[in-house]
Amino acid sequence: MHALRILSVGIAVAGITPLVSAYFQSLGRAGPAYLMSVGSLVLVKAPLVAVCGTAGVNGVWVGLTAGEVVSALVALTLLGVFPRRG
């Protein structure tokens, strides 16, 4: 039950990163799409889980949730930074 409370925050924002990545793919902008799909796993989620995992099982849950939230914030930031092509 405790893990579900922690993970529910991450589940709520988990779809933002793939949605923004698909948006950039549909515009033909492969760079930002690739950065979000692969970069969020390698540069954000895995390090957070590794660092937070040293605190035990609850640290792993917090790391997973924090990875989803940070990835979503980065995706939304990239959405605002890259101009739309008309």
Protein backbone atom coordinates (compact mmCIF):
# COMPACT_ATOMS: atom_id res chain seq x y z
CA MET A 1 0.00 0.00 0.00
CA HIS A 2 2.86 2.37 0.80
CA ALA A 3 4.50 1.78 -2.60
CA LEU A 4 1.21 2.49 -4.38
CA ARG A 5 0.97 5.90 -2.72
CA ILE A 6 4.46 6.79 -3.85
CA LEU A 7 4.11 5.38 -7.37
CA SER A 8 0.72 6.98 -8.01
CA VAL A 9 2.39 10.36 -8.52
CA GLY A 10 4.71 8.91 -11.15
CA ILE A 11 1.88 7.08 -12.87
CA ALA A 12 -0.06 10.33 -13.17
CA VAL A 13 2.71 11.97 -15.21
CA ALA A 14 4.17 8.90 -16.95
CA GLY A 15 2.43 9.58 -20.25
CA ILE A 16 3.75 13.10 -20.76
CA THR A 17 7.23 12.15 -21.98
CA PRO A 18 6.12 9.63 -24.64
CA LEU A 19 3.37 11.98 -25.77
CA VAL A 20 5.77 14.89 -26.29
CA SER A 21 8.28 12.52 -27.93
CA ALA A 22 5.61 11.33 -30.38
CA TYR A 23 4.68 14.95 -31.08
CA PHE A 24 8.27 15.75 -32.07
CA GLN A 25 8.43 12.59 -34.20
CA SER A 26 5.29 13.65 -36.04
CA LEU A 27 6.95 16.99 -36.80
CA GLY A 28 10.01 15.21 -38.18
CA ARG A 29 12.24 16.37 -35.32
CA ALA A 30 14.11 13.19 -34.50
CA GLY A 31 16.69 14.79 -32.19
CA PRO A 32 14.37 15.94 -29.39
CA ALA A 33 12.27 12.78 -29.74
CA TYR A 34 15.32 10.56 -29.35
CA LEU A 35 16.64 12.67 -26.49
CA MET A 36 13.40 12.22 -24.59
CA SER A 37 12.88 8.52 -25.22
CA VAL A 38 16.41 7.28 -24.60
CA GLY A 39 17.79 10.16 -22.56
CA SER A 40 15.05 9.98 -19.98
CA LEU A 41 15.92 6.35 -19.27
CA VAL A 42 19.71 6.62 -19.35
CA LEU A 43 20.28 10.12 -17.99
CA VAL A 44 17.38 10.58 -15.57
CA LYS A 45 15.56 7.46 -14.41
CA ALA A 46 18.41 4.95 -14.02
CA PRO A 47 20.69 7.29 -12.04
CA LEU A 48 17.84 8.37 -9.78
CA VAL A 49 16.86 4.78 -9.03
CA ALA A 50 20.51 3.86 -8.42
CA VAL A 51 21.08 6.77 -6.04
CA CYS A 52 17.75 6.55 -4.23
CA GLY A 53 17.94 2.75 -4.14
CA THR A 54 20.73 2.93 -1.60
CA ALA A 55 18.06 3.98 0.92
CA GLY A 56 16.24 0.68 0.54
CA VAL A 57 13.01 -0.41 -1.09
CA ASN A 58 11.22 2.87 -0.40
CA GLY A 59 14.14 4.66 -2.04
CA VAL A 60 13.59 2.65 -5.21
CA TRP A 61 9.91 3.68 -5.29
CA VAL A 62 10.84 7.31 -4.72
CA GLY A 63 13.52 7.09 -7.42
CA LEU A 64 11.06 5.67 -9.93
CA THR A 65 8.53 8.38 -9.16
CA ALA A 66 11.13 11.15 -9.22
CA GLY A 67 12.40 9.86 -12.57
CA GLU A 68 8.94 10.08 -14.10
CA VAL A 69 8.36 13.58 -12.73
CA VAL A 70 11.76 14.90 -13.84
CA SER A 71 11.37 13.32 -17.28
CA ALA A 72 7.96 14.94 -17.68
CA LEU A 73 9.34 18.33 -16.65
CA VAL A 74 12.22 18.00 -19.11
CA ALA A 75 9.82 16.98 -21.89
CA LEU A 76 7.57 19.96 -21.22
CA THR A 77 10.60 22.23 -21.13
CA LEU A 78 11.80 20.90 -24.49
CA LEU A 79 8.31 21.44 -25.86
CA GLY A 80 8.56 25.11 -24.93
CA VAL A 81 12.18 25.54 -26.08
CA PHE A 82 11.96 24.13 -29.59
CA PRO A 83 9.90 26.29 -31.93
CA ARG A 84 7.11 24.75 -33.94
CA ARG A 85 7.56 24.55 -37.66
CA GLY A 86 4.67 25.95 -39.58
